[in-house]
Amino acid sequence: MDARGEVVLALDDYFDGLHHSDTARLRRVFHPAALYACATDGSLLLRTMDEYFPVVDARPSPASRGEPRHDRIVSIEFAGPVTAFARVECAIAPKAFVDFLTLVRLDGRWRILSKVFHYERMDERASR
């Protein structure tokens, strides 16, 4: 499998983990030192994985609420054989997200090293 295919598989795990609030799956795709960041509301929200995973564990999964899955890979770029950037979109009601994910290939697999994202309410996005 080529590097792009491997990154797509990692992103599939990412999307599955979010849709099912499955932190075991998310732990496989996020590097333990990864950072999670957002400034949509004008202040910086910055979390480590140890801070982020309990938030995911505490929320009902979109799958358990019967929400349809909305996610897609917008683009994947490579800076070299072990460094990639992915722009992806997904939704966890009531929010729609644009995620910028940086990935590194270590020990034979791709892992997310940072997630920087922006969100909008789904109803606001639909009205545009």
Protein backbone atom coordinates (compact mmCIF):
# COMPACT_ATOMS: atom_id res chain seq x y z
CA MET A 1 0.00 0.00 0.00
CA ASP A 2 1.29 3.48 -0.79
CA ALA A 3 1.64 6.30 1.76
CA ARG A 4 -1.62 7.97 0.71
CA GLY A 5 -3.54 4.74 1.24
CA GLU A 6 -1.96 4.31 4.66
CA VAL A 7 -2.96 7.86 5.67
CA VAL A 8 -6.50 7.24 4.42
CA LEU A 9 -6.69 4.14 6.65
CA ALA A 10 -5.50 6.17 9.65
CA LEU A 11 -8.12 8.83 8.90
CA ASP A 12 -10.80 6.13 8.67
CA ASP A 13 -9.85 5.09 12.22
CA TYR A 14 -10.05 8.75 13.24
CA PHE A 15 -13.54 9.17 11.78
CA ASP A 16 -14.72 5.83 13.26
CA GLY A 17 -13.33 6.80 16.66
CA LEU A 18 -15.16 10.12 16.62
CA HIS A 19 -18.46 8.68 15.39
CA HIS A 20 -18.46 5.95 18.04
CA SER A 21 -16.72 7.99 20.80
CA ASP A 22 -14.20 5.14 20.81
CA THR A 23 -11.07 6.37 22.58
CA ALA A 24 -9.36 2.99 22.16
CA ARG A 25 -9.49 3.54 18.40
CA LEU A 26 -8.51 7.21 18.76
CA ARG A 27 -5.51 6.22 20.91
CA ARG A 28 -4.29 4.07 18.00
CA VAL A 29 -4.38 7.01 15.58
CA PHE A 30 -3.24 9.89 17.84
CA HIS A 31 0.38 10.02 18.96
CA PRO A 32 0.49 10.14 22.79
CA ALA A 33 2.18 13.58 22.60
CA ALA A 34 -0.43 14.98 20.17
CA LEU A 35 -2.05 18.35 20.77
CA TYR A 36 -5.68 19.36 20.25
CA ALA A 37 -6.34 23.06 19.61
CA CYS A 38 -9.15 25.42 18.65
CA ALA A 39 -9.64 29.19 18.77
CA THR A 40 -13.10 29.46 17.18
CA ASP A 41 -14.60 31.38 20.09
CA GLY A 42 -11.69 33.85 20.30
CA SER A 43 -9.74 32.14 23.07
CA LEU A 44 -7.29 29.27 22.76
CA LEU A 45 -8.50 25.83 23.76
CA LEU A 46 -5.45 23.60 24.00
CA ARG A 47 -5.54 20.02 25.27
CA THR A 48 -3.21 17.09 25.57
CA MET A 49 -4.51 13.63 24.75
CA ASP A 50 -4.79 12.92 28.49
CA GLU A 51 -7.19 15.89 28.68
CA TYR A 52 -9.01 15.21 25.39
CA PHE A 53 -9.86 11.50 25.69
CA PRO A 54 -11.94 11.84 28.90
CA VAL A 55 -14.08 14.45 27.09
CA VAL A 56 -14.74 11.93 24.29
CA ASP A 57 -15.44 9.16 26.83
CA ALA A 58 -18.01 11.35 28.61
CA ARG A 59 -20.11 12.26 25.58
CA PRO A 60 -22.76 10.08 23.99
CA SER A 61 -21.49 8.96 20.61
CA PRO A 62 -23.11 10.26 17.45
CA ALA A 63 -23.68 6.60 16.49
CA SER A 64 -25.57 5.90 19.75
CA ARG A 65 -27.82 8.89 19.05
CA GLY A 66 -28.58 7.59 15.56
CA GLU A 67 -26.84 10.50 13.84
CA PRO A 68 -25.81 9.88 10.27
CA ARG A 69 -22.08 9.94 9.73
CA HIS A 70 -20.81 13.07 7.99
CA ASP A 71 -17.09 13.04 7.29
CA ARG A 72 -14.78 13.42 4.35
CA ILE A 73 -11.17 13.87 3.46
CA VAL A 74 -10.76 17.18 1.65
CA SER A 75 -7.04 16.87 0.94
CA ILE A 76 -3.84 15.10 1.91
CA GLU A 77 -0.40 16.61 1.30
CA PHE A 78 3.03 15.14 1.96
CA ALA A 79 6.11 17.07 3.07
CA GLY A 80 8.22 13.93 2.75
CA PRO A 81 7.97 10.19 3.30
CA VAL A 82 7.07 10.47 7.00
CA THR A 83 5.21 13.80 7.28
CA ALA A 84 1.70 14.57 6.05
CA PHE A 85 -1.07 17.11 6.43
CA ALA A 86 -4.76 16.31 6.04
CA ARG A 87 -7.70 18.67 5.84
CA VAL A 88 -10.86 16.81 6.82
CA GLU A 89 -14.46 17.66 7.63
CA CYS A 90 -16.81 15.94 10.04
CA ALA A 91 -19.87 16.64 12.14
CA ILE A 92 -20.94 15.87 15.67
CA ALA A 93 -24.30 17.54 16.12
CA PRO A 94 -24.86 20.37 16.57
CA LYS A 95 -21.39 21.29 15.24
CA ALA A 96 -19.64 20.88 11.89
CA PHE A 97 -15.85 20.80 12.01
CA VAL A 98 -12.95 21.53 9.70
CA ASP A 99 -9.87 19.77 11.07
CA PHE A 100 -6.26 20.37 10.07
CA LEU A 101 -4.37 17.22 11.04
CA THR A 102 -0.62 16.81 10.91
CA LEU A 103 0.56 13.23 10.76
CA VAL A 104 3.91 11.51 11.17
CA ARG A 105 4.87 7.96 10.23
CA LEU A 106 6.63 6.27 13.12
CA ASP A 107 7.19 2.58 13.79
CA GLY A 108 5.53 1.68 10.49
CA ARG A 109 2.26 3.59 10.95
CA TRP A 110 0.78 7.04 10.55
CA ARG A 111 -0.29 8.91 13.67
CA ILE A 112 -1.85 12.32 14.23
CA LEU A 113 0.54 14.68 15.98
CA SER A 114 -1.73 17.73 16.03
CA LYS A 115 -5.37 18.54 15.48
CA VAL A 116 -6.19 22.21 14.96
CA PHE A 117 -9.82 22.82 14.11
CA HIS A 118 -12.61 25.30 13.52
CA TYR A 119 -16.31 24.63 14.03
CA GLU A 120 -19.66 26.14 13.15
CA ARG A 121 -23.12 25.22 14.23
CA MET A 122 -24.62 22.95 11.58
CA ASP A 123 -27.70 25.17 11.27
CA GLU A 124 -25.50 28.21 10.59
CA ARG A 125 -23.54 26.36 7.93
CA ALA A 126 -26.71 25.13 6.21
CA SER A 127 -28.14 28.66 6.03
CA ARG A 128 -25.21 29.92 3.93
